[in-house]
All heavy atoms as atom14 arrays in JSON, in Angstrom:
{
  "sequence": "LPVVAYGGVAGILSGFLVGLFNFGARYLIKFSE",
  "atom14_mask": [
    [1, 1, 1, 1, 1, 1, 1, 1, 0, 0, 0, 0, 0, 0],
    [1, 1, 1, 1, 1, 1, 1, 0, 0, 0, 0, 0, 0, 0],
    [1, 1, 1, 1, 1, 1, 1, 0, 0, 0, 0, 0, 0, 0],
    [1, 1, 1, 1, 1, 1, 1, 0, 0, 0, 0, 0, 0, 0],
    [1, 1, 1, 1, 1, 0, 0, 0, 0, 0, 0, 0, 0, 0],
    [1, 1, 1, 1, 1, 1, 1, 1, 1, 1, 1, 1, 0, 0],
    [1, 1, 1, 1, 0, 0, 0, 0, 0, 0, 0, 0, 0, 0],
    [1, 1, 1, 1, 0, 0, 0, 0, 0, 0, 0, 0, 0, 0],
    [1, 1, 1, 1, 1, 1, 1, 0, 0, 0, 0, 0, 0, 0],
    [1, 1, 1, 1, 1, 0, 0, 0, 0, 0, 0, 0, 0, 0],
    [1, 1, 1, 1, 0, 0, 0, 0, 0, 0, 0, 0, 0, 0],
    [1, 1, 1, 1, 1, 1, 1, 1, 0, 0, 0, 0, 0, 0],
    [1, 1, 1, 1, 1, 1, 1, 1, 0, 0, 0, 0, 0, 0],
    [1, 1, 1, 1, 1, 1, 0, 0, 0, 0, 0, 0, 0, 0],
    [1, 1, 1, 1, 0, 0, 0, 0, 0, 0, 0, 0, 0, 0],
    [1, 1, 1, 1, 1, 1, 1, 1, 1, 1, 1, 0, 0, 0],
    [1, 1, 1, 1, 1, 1, 1, 1, 0, 0, 0, 0, 0, 0],
    [1, 1, 1, 1, 1, 1, 1, 0, 0, 0, 0, 0, 0, 0],
    [1, 1, 1, 1, 0, 0, 0, 0, 0, 0, 0, 0, 0, 0],
    [1, 1, 1, 1, 1, 1, 1, 1, 0, 0, 0, 0, 0, 0],
    [1, 1, 1, 1, 1, 1, 1, 1, 1, 1, 1, 0, 0, 0],
    [1, 1, 1, 1, 1, 1, 1, 1, 0, 0, 0, 0, 0, 0],
    [1, 1, 1, 1, 1, 1, 1, 1, 1, 1, 1, 0, 0, 0],
    [1, 1, 1, 1, 0, 0, 0, 0, 0, 0, 0, 0, 0, 0],
    [1, 1, 1, 1, 1, 0, 0, 0, 0, 0, 0, 0, 0, 0],
    [1, 1, 1, 1, 1, 1, 1, 1, 1, 1, 1, 0, 0, 0],
    [1, 1, 1, 1, 1, 1, 1, 1, 1, 1, 1, 1, 0, 0],
    [1, 1, 1, 1, 1, 1, 1, 1, 0, 0, 0, 0, 0, 0],
    [1, 1, 1, 1, 1, 1, 1, 1, 0, 0, 0, 0, 0, 0],
    [1, 1, 1, 1, 1, 1, 1, 1, 1, 0, 0, 0, 0, 0],
    [1, 1, 1, 1, 1, 1, 1, 1, 1, 1, 1, 0, 0, 0],
    [1, 1, 1, 1, 1, 1, 0, 0, 0, 0, 0, 0, 0, 0],
    [1, 1, 1, 1, 1, 1, 1, 1, 1, 0, 0, 0, 0, 0]
  ],
  "atom14_positions": [
    [[88.04, 129.11, 100.18], [87.52, 128.11, 99.24], [88.5, 126.96, 99.01], [88.09, 125.79, 99.03], [87.15, 128.77, 97.91], [85.93, 129.71, 97.96], [85.67, 130.32, 96.59], [84.69, 128.96, 98.44], [0.0, 0.0, 0.0], [0.0, 0.0, 0.0], [0.0, 0.0, 0.0], [0.0, 0.0, 0.0], [0.0, 0.0, 0.0], [0.0, 0.0, 0.0]],
    [[89.82, 127.21, 98.8], [90.73, 126.07, 98.64], [90.8, 125.17, 99.88], [90.81, 123.94, 99.75], [92.09, 126.74, 98.38], [91.77, 128.09, 97.88], [90.5, 128.49, 98.54], [0.0, 0.0, 0.0], [0.0, 0.0, 0.0], [0.0, 0.0, 0.0], [0.0, 0.0, 0.0], [0.0, 0.0, 0.0], [0.0, 0.0, 0.0], [0.0, 0.0, 0.0]],
    [[90.83, 125.78, 101.06], [90.91, 124.98, 102.29], [89.65, 124.13, 102.47], [89.72, 122.96, 102.83], [91.15, 125.89, 103.52], [90.91, 125.13, 104.81], [92.56, 126.44, 103.51], [0.0, 0.0, 0.0], [0.0, 0.0, 0.0], [0.0, 0.0, 0.0], [0.0, 0.0, 0.0], [0.0, 0.0, 0.0], [0.0, 0.0, 0.0], [0.0, 0.0, 0.0]],
    [[88.49, 124.72, 102.19], [87.24, 123.96, 102.28], [87.23, 122.83, 101.26], [86.8, 121.71, 101.56], [86.02, 124.89, 102.08], [84.74, 124.09, 101.9], [85.88, 125.84, 103.27], [0.0, 0.0, 0.0], [0.0, 0.0, 0.0], [0.0, 0.0, 0.0], [0.0, 0.0, 0.0], [0.0, 0.0, 0.0], [0.0, 0.0, 0.0], [0.0, 0.0, 0.0]],
    [[87.74, 123.1, 100.05], [87.79, 122.06, 99.01], [88.73, 120.93, 99.41], [88.36, 119.75, 99.33], [88.23, 122.68, 97.68], [0.0, 0.0, 0.0], [0.0, 0.0, 0.0], [0.0, 0.0, 0.0], [0.0, 0.0, 0.0], [0.0, 0.0, 0.0], [0.0, 0.0, 0.0], [0.0, 0.0, 0.0], [0.0, 0.0, 0.0], [0.0, 0.0, 0.0]],
    [[89.95, 121.28, 99.85], [90.9, 120.24, 100.29], [90.33, 119.45, 101.47], [90.41, 118.22, 101.51], [92.22, 120.87, 100.71], [93.02, 121.48, 99.59], [93.62, 122.73, 99.74], [93.2, 120.81, 98.38], [94.36, 123.31, 98.71], [93.94, 121.38, 97.36], [94.52, 122.62, 97.52], [95.25, 123.18, 96.52], [0.0, 0.0, 0.0], [0.0, 0.0, 0.0]],
    [[89.77, 120.17, 102.44], [89.19, 119.51, 103.6], [88.03, 118.61, 103.23], [87.87, 117.51, 103.77], [0.0, 0.0, 0.0], [0.0, 0.0, 0.0], [0.0, 0.0, 0.0], [0.0, 0.0, 0.0], [0.0, 0.0, 0.0], [0.0, 0.0, 0.0], [0.0, 0.0, 0.0], [0.0, 0.0, 0.0], [0.0, 0.0, 0.0], [0.0, 0.0, 0.0]],
    [[87.21, 119.08, 102.28], [86.07, 118.27, 101.84], [86.49, 116.98, 101.17], [85.96, 115.9, 101.46], [0.0, 0.0, 0.0], [0.0, 0.0, 0.0], [0.0, 0.0, 0.0], [0.0, 0.0, 0.0], [0.0, 0.0, 0.0], [0.0, 0.0, 0.0], [0.0, 0.0, 0.0], [0.0, 0.0, 0.0], [0.0, 0.0, 0.0], [0.0, 0.0, 0.0]],
    [[87.47, 117.08, 100.26], [87.96, 115.88, 99.56], [88.6, 114.92, 100.56], [88.34, 113.7, 100.55], [88.97, 116.26, 98.45], [89.63, 115.01, 97.87], [88.27, 117.04, 97.35], [0.0, 0.0, 0.0], [0.0, 0.0, 0.0], [0.0, 0.0, 0.0], [0.0, 0.0, 0.0], [0.0, 0.0, 0.0], [0.0, 0.0, 0.0], [0.0, 0.0, 0.0]],
    [[89.45, 115.46, 101.45], [90.1, 114.62, 102.46], [89.06, 113.97, 103.37], [89.18, 112.79, 103.73], [91.07, 115.46, 103.3], [0.0, 0.0, 0.0], [0.0, 0.0, 0.0], [0.0, 0.0, 0.0], [0.0, 0.0, 0.0], [0.0, 0.0, 0.0], [0.0, 0.0, 0.0], [0.0, 0.0, 0.0], [0.0, 0.0, 0.0], [0.0, 0.0, 0.0]],
    [[88.02, 114.73, 103.74], [86.98, 114.2, 104.62], [86.18, 113.09, 103.98], [85.91, 112.06, 104.61], [0.0, 0.0, 0.0], [0.0, 0.0, 0.0], [0.0, 0.0, 0.0], [0.0, 0.0, 0.0], [0.0, 0.0, 0.0], [0.0, 0.0, 0.0], [0.0, 0.0, 0.0], [0.0, 0.0, 0.0], [0.0, 0.0, 0.0], [0.0, 0.0, 0.0]],
    [[85.8, 113.27, 102.72], [85.02, 112.24, 102.02], [85.81, 110.95, 101.91], [85.31, 109.86, 102.2], [84.58, 112.75, 100.63], [83.51, 113.83, 100.78], [84.05, 111.61, 99.77], [83.21, 114.59, 99.52], [0.0, 0.0, 0.0], [0.0, 0.0, 0.0], [0.0, 0.0, 0.0], [0.0, 0.0, 0.0], [0.0, 0.0, 0.0], [0.0, 0.0, 0.0]],
    [[87.08, 111.06, 101.46], [87.91, 109.86, 101.33], [88.18, 109.22, 102.69], [88.12, 107.99, 102.82], [89.23, 110.22, 100.65], [89.15, 110.58, 99.17], [90.5, 111.04, 98.64], [88.64, 109.39, 98.35], [0.0, 0.0, 0.0], [0.0, 0.0, 0.0], [0.0, 0.0, 0.0], [0.0, 0.0, 0.0], [0.0, 0.0, 0.0], [0.0, 0.0, 0.0]],
    [[88.47, 110.05, 103.69], [88.74, 109.52, 105.04], [87.51, 108.81, 105.6], [87.6, 107.71, 106.15], [89.15, 110.65, 105.98], [90.35, 111.23, 105.57], [0.0, 0.0, 0.0], [0.0, 0.0, 0.0], [0.0, 0.0, 0.0], [0.0, 0.0, 0.0], [0.0, 0.0, 0.0], [0.0, 0.0, 0.0], [0.0, 0.0, 0.0], [0.0, 0.0, 0.0]],
    [[86.35, 109.46, 105.47], [85.12, 108.86, 105.98], [84.82, 107.53, 105.31], [84.42, 106.56, 105.97], [0.0, 0.0, 0.0], [0.0, 0.0, 0.0], [0.0, 0.0, 0.0], [0.0, 0.0, 0.0], [0.0, 0.0, 0.0], [0.0, 0.0, 0.0], [0.0, 0.0, 0.0], [0.0, 0.0, 0.0], [0.0, 0.0, 0.0], [0.0, 0.0, 0.0]],
    [[85.02, 107.48, 104.0], [84.77, 106.24, 103.25], [85.72, 105.12, 103.7], [85.29, 104.0, 103.99], [84.93, 106.51, 101.76], [84.74, 105.3, 100.89], [83.49, 104.73, 100.71], [85.83, 104.7, 100.26], [83.32, 103.61, 99.92], [85.67, 103.58, 99.48], [84.41, 103.03, 99.3], [0.0, 0.0, 0.0], [0.0, 0.0, 0.0], [0.0, 0.0, 0.0]],
    [[87.02, 105.45, 103.78], [88.01, 104.43, 104.16], [87.84, 103.98, 105.61], [87.95, 102.79, 105.91], [89.42, 104.97, 103.94], [89.86, 105.13, 102.49], [91.23, 105.77, 102.4], [89.86, 103.79, 101.76], [0.0, 0.0, 0.0], [0.0, 0.0, 0.0], [0.0, 0.0, 0.0], [0.0, 0.0, 0.0], [0.0, 0.0, 0.0], [0.0, 0.0, 0.0]],
    [[87.58, 104.92, 106.5], [87.38, 104.55, 107.92], [86.12, 103.72, 108.08], [86.09, 102.77, 108.87], [87.36, 105.81, 108.81], [86.92, 105.46, 110.23], [88.73, 106.47, 108.84], [0.0, 0.0, 0.0], [0.0, 0.0, 0.0], [0.0, 0.0, 0.0], [0.0, 0.0, 0.0], [0.0, 0.0, 0.0], [0.0, 0.0, 0.0], [0.0, 0.0, 0.0]],
    [[85.07, 104.06, 107.32], [83.85, 103.24, 107.36], [84.11, 101.81, 106.93], [83.68, 100.86, 107.58], [0.0, 0.0, 0.0], [0.0, 0.0, 0.0], [0.0, 0.0, 0.0], [0.0, 0.0, 0.0], [0.0, 0.0, 0.0], [0.0, 0.0, 0.0], [0.0, 0.0, 0.0], [0.0, 0.0, 0.0], [0.0, 0.0, 0.0], [0.0, 0.0, 0.0]],
    [[84.85, 101.66, 105.82], [85.21, 100.32, 105.35], [86.1, 99.59, 106.36], [85.94, 98.4, 106.61], [85.96, 100.41, 104.01], [85.13, 100.62, 102.75], [86.05, 100.72, 101.54], [84.12, 99.5, 102.55], [0.0, 0.0, 0.0], [0.0, 0.0, 0.0], [0.0, 0.0, 0.0], [0.0, 0.0, 0.0], [0.0, 0.0, 0.0], [0.0, 0.0, 0.0]],
    [[87.05, 100.34, 106.93], [87.96, 99.77, 107.91], [87.21, 99.23, 109.11], [87.45, 98.11, 109.57], [88.97, 100.83, 108.35], [89.88, 100.39, 109.46], [90.96, 99.57, 109.22], [89.64, 100.8, 110.76], [91.8, 99.16, 110.25], [90.47, 100.4, 111.79], [91.54, 99.57, 111.54], [0.0, 0.0, 0.0], [0.0, 0.0, 0.0], [0.0, 0.0, 0.0]],
    [[86.28, 100.01, 109.64], [85.51, 99.57, 110.81], [84.59, 98.4, 110.48], [84.39, 97.52, 111.32], [84.71, 100.74, 111.39], [85.58, 101.67, 112.21], [86.03, 101.32, 113.28], [85.83, 102.86, 111.69], [0.0, 0.0, 0.0], [0.0, 0.0, 0.0], [0.0, 0.0, 0.0], [0.0, 0.0, 0.0], [0.0, 0.0, 0.0], [0.0, 0.0, 0.0]],
    [[84.05, 98.38, 109.27], [83.25, 97.24, 108.84], [84.11, 95.97, 108.81], [83.73, 94.92, 109.33], [82.65, 97.5, 107.46], [81.9, 96.33, 106.89], [80.59, 96.07, 107.3], [82.49, 95.49, 105.96], [79.9, 94.97, 106.78], [81.8, 94.41, 105.44], [80.51, 94.14, 105.85], [0.0, 0.0, 0.0], [0.0, 0.0, 0.0], [0.0, 0.0, 0.0]],
    [[85.31, 96.09, 108.21], [86.22, 94.95, 108.16], [86.67, 94.52, 109.55], [86.8, 93.32, 109.82], [0.0, 0.0, 0.0], [0.0, 0.0, 0.0], [0.0, 0.0, 0.0], [0.0, 0.0, 0.0], [0.0, 0.0, 0.0], [0.0, 0.0, 0.0], [0.0, 0.0, 0.0], [0.0, 0.0, 0.0], [0.0, 0.0, 0.0], [0.0, 0.0, 0.0]],
    [[86.9, 95.48, 110.44], [87.33, 95.16, 111.8], [86.25, 94.37, 112.54], [86.56, 93.37, 113.2], [87.64, 96.46, 112.57], [0.0, 0.0, 0.0], [0.0, 0.0, 0.0], [0.0, 0.0, 0.0], [0.0, 0.0, 0.0], [0.0, 0.0, 0.0], [0.0, 0.0, 0.0], [0.0, 0.0, 0.0], [0.0, 0.0, 0.0], [0.0, 0.0, 0.0]],
    [[84.99, 94.81, 112.42], [83.9, 94.08, 113.09], [83.78, 92.66, 112.55], [83.56, 91.71, 113.31], [82.58, 94.84, 112.9], [82.46, 96.08, 113.75], [81.04, 96.61, 113.77], [80.61, 97.06, 112.46], [80.76, 98.31, 112.0], [81.36, 99.22, 112.75], [80.34, 98.63, 110.79], [0.0, 0.0, 0.0], [0.0, 0.0, 0.0], [0.0, 0.0, 0.0]],
    [[83.93, 92.51, 111.24], [83.84, 91.18, 110.64], [84.97, 90.28, 111.13], [84.74, 89.11, 111.5], [83.89, 91.3, 109.12], [83.9, 89.96, 108.42], [82.72, 89.24, 108.23], [85.1, 89.4, 107.96], [82.74, 88.0, 107.6], [85.13, 88.17, 107.33], [83.94, 87.48, 107.15], [83.96, 86.25, 106.54], [0.0, 0.0, 0.0], [0.0, 0.0, 0.0]],
    [[86.2, 90.79, 111.17], [87.34, 89.99, 111.6], [87.25, 89.62, 113.08], [87.62, 88.51, 113.47], [88.64, 90.74, 111.33], [89.11, 90.76, 109.88], [90.31, 91.67, 109.71], [89.44, 89.36, 109.39], [0.0, 0.0, 0.0], [0.0, 0.0, 0.0], [0.0, 0.0, 0.0], [0.0, 0.0, 0.0], [0.0, 0.0, 0.0], [0.0, 0.0, 0.0]],
    [[86.77, 90.55, 113.9], [86.6, 90.24, 115.33], [85.59, 89.12, 115.52], [85.81, 88.18, 116.29], [86.17, 91.51, 116.1], [87.34, 92.5, 116.17], [85.72, 91.16, 117.51], [86.97, 93.87, 116.68], [0.0, 0.0, 0.0], [0.0, 0.0, 0.0], [0.0, 0.0, 0.0], [0.0, 0.0, 0.0], [0.0, 0.0, 0.0], [0.0, 0.0, 0.0]],
    [[84.48, 89.17, 114.78], [83.46, 88.12, 114.87], [84.03, 86.79, 114.37], [83.82, 85.74, 114.98], [82.23, 88.51, 114.05], [81.08, 87.51, 114.16], [79.89, 87.97, 113.35], [78.74, 86.97, 113.48], [79.1, 85.59, 113.1], [0.0, 0.0, 0.0], [0.0, 0.0, 0.0], [0.0, 0.0, 0.0], [0.0, 0.0, 0.0], [0.0, 0.0, 0.0]],
    [[84.77, 86.84, 113.26], [85.37, 85.63, 112.71], [86.37, 85.03, 113.69], [86.43, 83.81, 113.88], [86.05, 85.96, 111.38], [86.52, 84.76, 110.62], [85.63, 83.78, 110.21], [87.86, 84.62, 110.29], [86.06, 82.67, 109.51], [88.31, 83.51, 109.58], [87.41, 82.54, 109.19], [0.0, 0.0, 0.0], [0.0, 0.0, 0.0], [0.0, 0.0, 0.0]],
    [[87.15, 85.89, 114.34], [88.12, 85.43, 115.34], [87.42, 84.76, 116.51], [87.87, 83.72, 117.0], [88.95, 86.63, 115.82], [89.77, 86.27, 116.9], [0.0, 0.0, 0.0], [0.0, 0.0, 0.0], [0.0, 0.0, 0.0], [0.0, 0.0, 0.0], [0.0, 0.0, 0.0], [0.0, 0.0, 0.0], [0.0, 0.0, 0.0], [0.0, 0.0, 0.0]],
    [[86.32, 85.36, 116.97], [85.56, 84.76, 118.08], [85.05, 83.38, 117.69], [85.06, 82.45, 118.51], [84.4, 85.67, 118.46], [84.85, 86.96, 119.16], [83.7, 87.93, 119.34], [82.6, 87.69, 118.8], [83.91, 88.96, 120.02], [0.0, 0.0, 0.0], [0.0, 0.0, 0.0], [0.0, 0.0, 0.0], [0.0, 0.0, 0.0], [0.0, 0.0, 0.0]]
  ]
}
């Protein structure tokens, strides 16, 4: 249960940040072009 909880919290935060990061990356690449 602790490992699943830690993994779940880390996964949610990681997924959210990586999603934002990739959105920002696509925008910057388009702006650069």
